[in-house]
């Protein structure tokens, strides 16, 4: 993982610490962020787009 992606992941984890998604499952919100980043990766997003996701 590049430094940019590592820093973005750390930022997202800190920014969303303690938050949960709506719904019965109450999953940690960071799960959504990770899913979006994976989607962007699968669809050919560059490092900046992945970090933004």
Protein backbone atom coordinates (compact mmCIF):
# COMPACT_ATOMS: atom_id res chain seq x y z
CA UNK A 1 0.00 0.00 0.00
CA UNK A 2 1.37 3.41 -0.93
CA UNK A 3 1.92 6.17 1.58
CA UNK A 4 -1.00 8.15 0.11
CA UNK A 5 -3.41 5.23 0.49
CA UNK A 6 -2.11 4.40 3.93
CA UNK A 7 -2.59 7.99 5.09
CA UNK A 8 -6.09 8.11 3.58
CA UNK A 9 -7.05 4.87 5.31
CA UNK A 10 -5.74 6.13 8.67
CA UNK A 11 -7.61 9.41 8.20
CA UNK A 12 -10.88 7.59 7.40
CA UNK A 13 -10.53 5.25 10.39
CA UNK A 14 -9.97 8.18 12.73
CA UNK A 15 -12.70 10.34 11.18
CA UNK A 16 -15.31 7.59 11.44
CA UNK A 17 -14.25 6.04 14.75
CA UNK A 18 -17.27 5.14 16.84
CA UNK A 19 -19.77 5.72 14.01
CA UNK A 20 -22.13 3.02 12.80
CA UNK A 21 -24.32 2.61 9.75
CA UNK A 22 -28.10 2.88 9.94
CA UNK A 23 -30.14 -0.29 9.94
CA UNK A 24 -30.50 -3.37 12.05
CA UNK A 25 -26.91 -4.55 11.56
CA UNK A 26 -25.35 -1.33 12.94
CA UNK A 27 -22.09 -2.13 11.13
CA UNK A 28 -19.13 0.18 11.74
CA UNK A 29 -19.31 3.07 9.23
CA UNK A 30 -15.74 2.41 8.07
CA UNK A 31 -17.11 -0.70 6.33
CA UNK A 32 -18.90 1.57 3.85
CA UNK A 33 -15.75 3.57 3.19
CA UNK A 34 -13.77 0.37 2.54
CA UNK A 35 -16.47 -0.93 0.19
CA UNK A 36 -16.43 2.29 -1.85
CA UNK A 37 -12.63 2.25 -2.08
CA UNK A 38 -12.73 -1.38 -3.25
CA UNK A 39 -15.36 -0.49 -5.87
CA UNK A 40 -13.20 2.35 -7.21
CA UNK A 41 -10.20 0.00 -7.30
CA UNK A 42 -12.13 -2.69 -9.20
CA UNK A 43 -13.23 -0.15 -11.77
CA UNK A 44 -9.74 1.14 -12.51
CA UNK A 45 -9.57 4.21 -10.31
CA UNK A 46 -6.15 5.70 -9.84
CA UNK A 47 -4.49 6.20 -6.46
CA UNK A 48 -6.00 9.67 -5.97
CA UNK A 49 -9.53 8.42 -6.70
CA UNK A 50 -9.08 5.47 -4.34
CA UNK A 51 -7.77 7.73 -1.57
CA UNK A 52 -10.71 10.09 -2.08
CA UNK A 53 -13.15 7.19 -1.84
